Amino acid sequence: MTGGGEKMQDSGTQSETPQIPLESVPEEPDEEYEVEPSLTREVSTPNVRIPSQSARATLVRTPATRERTTSPLVFNEEEEFKKDEDDNILITEIKPTDYQEVEFEVEVEQEEDSLSQGSEELKHVAVEPIEAEPKEEDYDTDLEIEEETFVHDTTGRSHYTKICHQLGLVPISYFMRHIQDTELAMRYHGLGPSSARAIALVLKDTITLEKLDLRGNWIEGEGGEAVARMLEENDYVTDVCLADNKLGLTGAQSLCRMLSTNAGLRKLDISDNGFGTVEAAVIAQALETNKYLKVLNLSHNRFDEQAGEILGPAIGANDILDVLDLSWNCLRQKGAVSVAKGIKENVRLKKCSLAWNGFGPEGGVAIADALMTNNSLQEIDISGNRLSADVAIKVAKAIMSNDNIRILKMGNNLLTTAGAIALAKAINESESSEMEELDLTDVPVEFEFLRIIEDIKAKRPNFKVAHGPILRVGNTTEDLGKPAIDPNPRRNKDPIVVLDQHIVVNDFRLLDILKRYDPDNSMTLEPQQFLAACEELAIPYDRAKVEEAVKRLVDQKPGNENGRIYFGNFFDQEKLQEHIKKYQEKTDNET
């Protein structure tokens, strides 16, 4: 160990102290030990050198915040470890310890001096008690005081007030009260373009609003453009009504542009805005590219025949809309035919209103043709379109082949009683029809129509029907001179009166029926035969009342033990003989 010897020689030269043999130093124990206070006593030997065993390893720690100790000798590993815990330790390594020299007297004296100086300093230190838990006052800061004085308005009311101040408007108190509602209805509030703009600027950031109704506020094109921009940024709103606002071409263009970007809007009502042919072209383009809108209301506008020709192909190309309302326009003839063709090609539309458009017979036939092939449409309204009885008959044929139509509205048309009967028969004879409601408002009907409706209700108790006045006889040319009948047979207490009136109207048919039940022409029937004839004639009656009436009509002549009913009094004898004669001639010719 040449290097070690050189180090020892250098150290000996510097300290000039005698060396102690290695055999005189006891071997250190393997386990840790603490330095006893006796180490601070004076040592007889003045300056000594204590070599450590070269094979024993010593832990050396490098602190991050203090300098390395000049003396590498570690007296107490546990104390050194605790002191290192208070500092940040960067490196811990194991190094073998070389022969080192220590001047006991110098270091001991330095330790005693440091302890004595420290104890003198501690005497003058004032000790104050420290509370274990901090009080609430300890957390008071200027930041918290500032938060208490400033409260962020999340409702948008302050923002709306600021906007109104900038635009020179008076804030609307109703809007401020309902600004966070899910449904905001401000109908006929007289907003105008500027107030509508202020409302739109506030609503673009809201996430609670779902339905907005601004009907009748005359917001015009400027207000419509502001609402459209709001909807471009806010897709939480699903239902918007801007009817009766005079939007014009500017509003129509803005709203149609919005439909290409807004993915949340499902229902849009822009009725009664004076839209014409120019706006129809813009709306038609939006219909062709529509991806999200489900319900569109275009009623009460000024769409004419040319506008109908423009909207027709767009309706056929749209496969997203479920509900379309084009009522109260002026589509007429060619426009009506074009729209009907679009409905025929549409594969998604479920509800369509085309009422009060002046379709005429030509447009009505086109609608009937569309109903023959469209299997998606469930409700259609073609009221007030100058439709004739021939159109009603064609629509009746369409009902026979189309089982999906549930609600049919054809009121306020010139259908006549014959057209009403044709529609009722089609519904009654179609076993697979799902018709739930037939609306024939202001269309006159007669007894035959009411009888068929009774049959329909017997099969479908929830079936609804609306019709016009009830006539005692039909109003077609074939009904001229025909005897009348009471249209309300159930109000008569005596069911035999019902039979009497029915015989007057349907006497030829009755003779055929009675011929089968009365082969001997005795003008009498048994009670069971009488009831069977009533059922075959499809006369509505109450069985208990009929049985009571039968007892009164039983012939009381001697010898009539079977209690037969005489019905000869129901006929005018002169007309009866004439009918019987014609009937016999007819049967003779057939034989």
Foldseek 3Di string as FASTA:
>chain_A
DVVLVVVVVVVCVVVVFDEDDPVVDDADDPDFDADDPVLLDDDPRQFYWDWHDQVDKDKDWDFDPDDGDPDPDDRGPVVVVVVNVVTHTDDIDIDGGGGDTDRSVVVSVVVVVVVVVVVVVVVPDDDDDDDPDDDPVVPDDPVVVVPVVDDDDPLLPVVLVVLCVVVVHDDDVLCSVCSQAQEEADEQVQQEQSNLLSNLVSLLPHQRHAEYHHHQNQNEQNSLLSNLVSQLRDLNHAYYEHENRLHPPNSLLSNLVSQLRRQRHAYYEHEHNQDEQVSLLSVLVSLLRGDHYAYYEHENYAYACNSLLNNLLSLLNHARYAEYEHAHYANEANSLLSNLVSLLNHQHYAEYEHAPHQHAQNSLLSNLVSLQRHQRYAYYAHEHRQHELVSLLSNLVSQLRHQRHAYYHHANYHNWQNSLLSNLVSLQPRPSHNHAEYEHDQHEHEQSSVLSVVSVCVVPVRHYYHHHHYWQFTDDPVGVPADGHDNCQVVDLQNVVVVLRVCSRVVLVLVVLVCVQCVPPPQWHQLVSVVVSCVVVSPDDDVVSSVVNLQVQFDPDPPSPRRIGHDPVSDDVVVVVVSVVVVVVVVVVVD
